[in-house]
Amino acid sequence: MPGTQPSGRSEGGQATLAELGHRVAARRTELGLSLASVAEAVGVHHSTLSRLERGQQDLGASHLPMLAQALDISVADLFPST
């Protein structure tokens, strides 16, 4: 199907996921936090967070507030402004 990635996400959705991952990784690194410590705070396995940072896995909406809190930012700051 044109415009759809193998994962079933649209190209735009894949770009947003990649941007989310980049923002999470950059902020985590800026704060000097480990994957394991942020993953524990969010309630996911460190490999899940690693895949998120690489834009390979989405994180459920219920985890976003915990992720934002662990990174000391707002949920809105996780996503690009339009």
C-alpha atoms as a PDB file:
ATOM      1  CA  MET A   1       0.000   0.000   0.000  1.00  0.00           C
ATOM      2  CA  PRO A   2       1.534   3.376  -0.970  1.00  0.00           C
ATOM      3  CA  GLY A   3       2.501   5.623   1.919  1.00  0.00           C
ATOM      4  CA  THR A   4       2.452   2.821   4.453  1.00  0.00           C
ATOM      5  CA  GLN A   5       5.466   1.395   6.221  1.00  0.00           C
ATOM      6  CA  PRO A   6       5.798  -2.382   6.782  1.00  0.00           C
ATOM      7  CA  SER A   7       4.745  -1.875  10.390  1.00  0.00           C
ATOM      8  CA  GLY A   8       1.390  -0.571   9.180  1.00  0.00           C
ATOM      9  CA  ARG A   9       2.191   3.019  10.195  1.00  0.00           C
ATOM     10  CA  SER A  10       1.898   5.787   7.656  1.00  0.00           C
ATOM     11  CA  GLU A  11       5.067   7.592   6.610  1.00  0.00           C
ATOM     12  CA  GLY A  12       3.959  10.610   8.653  1.00  0.00           C
ATOM     13  CA  GLY A  13       3.341   8.431  11.698  1.00  0.00           C
ATOM     14  CA  GLN A  14       6.773   6.855  11.302  1.00  0.00           C
ATOM     15  CA  ALA A  15       8.367  10.322  11.154  1.00  0.00           C
ATOM     16  CA  THR A  16       6.533  11.375  14.320  1.00  0.00           C
ATOM     17  CA  LEU A  17       7.655   8.194  16.077  1.00  0.00           C
ATOM     18  CA  ALA A  18      11.257   8.819  15.018  1.00  0.00           C
ATOM     19  CA  GLU A  19      11.041  12.427  16.264  1.00  0.00           C
ATOM     20  CA  LEU A  20       9.588  11.274  19.583  1.00  0.00           C
ATOM     21  CA  GLY A  21      12.420   8.791  19.962  1.00  0.00           C
ATOM     22  CA  HIS A  22      15.012  11.431  19.156  1.00  0.00           C
ATOM     23  CA  ARG A  23      13.551  13.850  21.704  1.00  0.00           C
ATOM     24  CA  VAL A  24      13.430  11.181  24.409  1.00  0.00           C
ATOM     25  CA  ALA A  25      17.017  10.083  23.778  1.00  0.00           C
ATOM     26  CA  ALA A  26      18.315  13.654  23.654  1.00  0.00           C
ATOM     27  CA  ARG A  27      16.575  14.673  26.873  1.00  0.00           C
ATOM     28  CA  ARG A  28      17.596  11.490  28.693  1.00  0.00           C
ATOM     29  CA  THR A  29      21.216  12.038  27.666  1.00  0.00           C
ATOM     30  CA  GLU A  30      21.032  15.733  28.593  1.00  0.00           C
ATOM     31  CA  LEU A  31      19.930  14.747  32.095  1.00  0.00           C
ATOM     32  CA  GLY A  32      22.574  12.022  32.358  1.00  0.00           C
ATOM     33  CA  LEU A  33      19.968   9.326  32.935  1.00  0.00           C
ATOM     34  CA  SER A  34      20.394   5.683  31.985  1.00  0.00           C
ATOM     35  CA  LEU A  35      17.956   3.750  29.826  1.00  0.00           C
ATOM     36  CA  ALA A  36      17.310   1.453  32.768  1.00  0.00           C
ATOM     37  CA  SER A  37      16.461   4.251  35.204  1.00  0.00           C
ATOM     38  CA  VAL A  38      14.033   5.966  32.838  1.00  0.00           C
ATOM     39  CA  ALA A  39      12.476   2.650  31.804  1.00  0.00           C
ATOM     40  CA  GLU A  40      11.933   1.731  35.443  1.00  0.00           C
ATOM     41  CA  ALA A  41      10.296   5.096  36.152  1.00  0.00           C
ATOM     42  CA  VAL A  42       7.989   4.612  33.167  1.00  0.00           C
ATOM     43  CA  GLY A  43       7.220   0.988  33.959  1.00  0.00           C
ATOM     44  CA  VAL A  44       8.604  -0.578  30.788  1.00  0.00           C
ATOM     45  CA  HIS A  45      11.574  -2.821  30.022  1.00  0.00           C
ATOM     46  CA  HIS A  46      14.790  -1.015  29.039  1.00  0.00           C
ATOM     47  CA  SER A  47      14.692  -2.718  25.626  1.00  0.00           C
ATOM     48  CA  THR A  48      11.263  -1.154  25.005  1.00  0.00           C
ATOM     49  CA  LEU A  49      12.637   2.296  25.765  1.00  0.00           C
ATOM     50  CA  SER A  50      15.643   1.616  23.552  1.00  0.00           C
ATOM     51  CA  ARG A  51      13.389   0.670  20.629  1.00  0.00           C
ATOM     52  CA  LEU A  52      11.317   3.801  21.264  1.00  0.00           C
ATOM     53  CA  GLU A  53      14.448   5.958  21.117  1.00  0.00           C
ATOM     54  CA  ARG A  54      15.357   4.362  17.766  1.00  0.00           C
ATOM     55  CA  GLY A  55      11.869   5.023  16.388  1.00  0.00           C
ATOM     56  CA  GLN A  56      11.115   1.310  16.164  1.00  0.00           C
ATOM     57  CA  GLN A  57       8.380   1.001  18.772  1.00  0.00           C
ATOM     58  CA  ASP A  58       5.521   3.117  19.946  1.00  0.00           C
ATOM     59  CA  LEU A  59       4.769   3.613  23.621  1.00  0.00           C
ATOM     60  CA  GLY A  60       1.186   3.452  24.820  1.00  0.00           C
ATOM     61  CA  ALA A  61      -0.460   6.756  25.598  1.00  0.00           C
ATOM     62  CA  SER A  62      -0.849   5.713  29.232  1.00  0.00           C
ATOM     63  CA  HIS A  63       2.958   5.737  29.595  1.00  0.00           C
ATOM     64  CA  LEU A  64       3.492   9.228  28.172  1.00  0.00           C
ATOM     65  CA  PRO A  65       2.816  11.153  31.419  1.00  0.00           C
ATOM     66  CA  MET A  66       5.276   8.921  33.300  1.00  0.00           C
ATOM     67  CA  LEU A  67       7.863   9.332  30.536  1.00  0.00           C
ATOM     68  CA  ALA A  68       7.482  13.107  30.579  1.00  0.00           C
ATOM     69  CA  GLN A  69       7.767  13.165  34.374  1.00  0.00           C
ATOM     70  CA  ALA A  70      10.928  11.010  34.282  1.00  0.00           C
ATOM     71  CA  LEU A  71      12.436  13.457  31.779  1.00  0.00           C
ATOM     72  CA  ASP A  72      11.198  16.534  33.690  1.00  0.00           C
ATOM     73  CA  ILE A  73       9.262  17.904  30.721  1.00  0.00           C
ATOM     74  CA  SER A  74       5.610  18.173  29.684  1.00  0.00           C
ATOM     75  CA  VAL A  75       3.912  15.574  27.502  1.00  0.00           C
ATOM     76  CA  ALA A  76       3.552  18.270  24.826  1.00  0.00           C
ATOM     77  CA  ASP A  77       7.341  18.717  24.798  1.00  0.00           C
ATOM     78  CA  LEU A  78       7.685  15.100  23.621  1.00  0.00           C
ATOM     79  CA  PHE A  79       6.100  15.960  20.257  1.00  0.00           C
ATOM     80  CA  PRO A  80       7.031  18.419  17.524  1.00  0.00           C
ATOM     81  CA  SER A  81       4.932  21.558  17.381  1.00  0.00           C
ATOM     82  CA  THR A  82       2.788  21.986  14.297  1.00  0.00           C
END
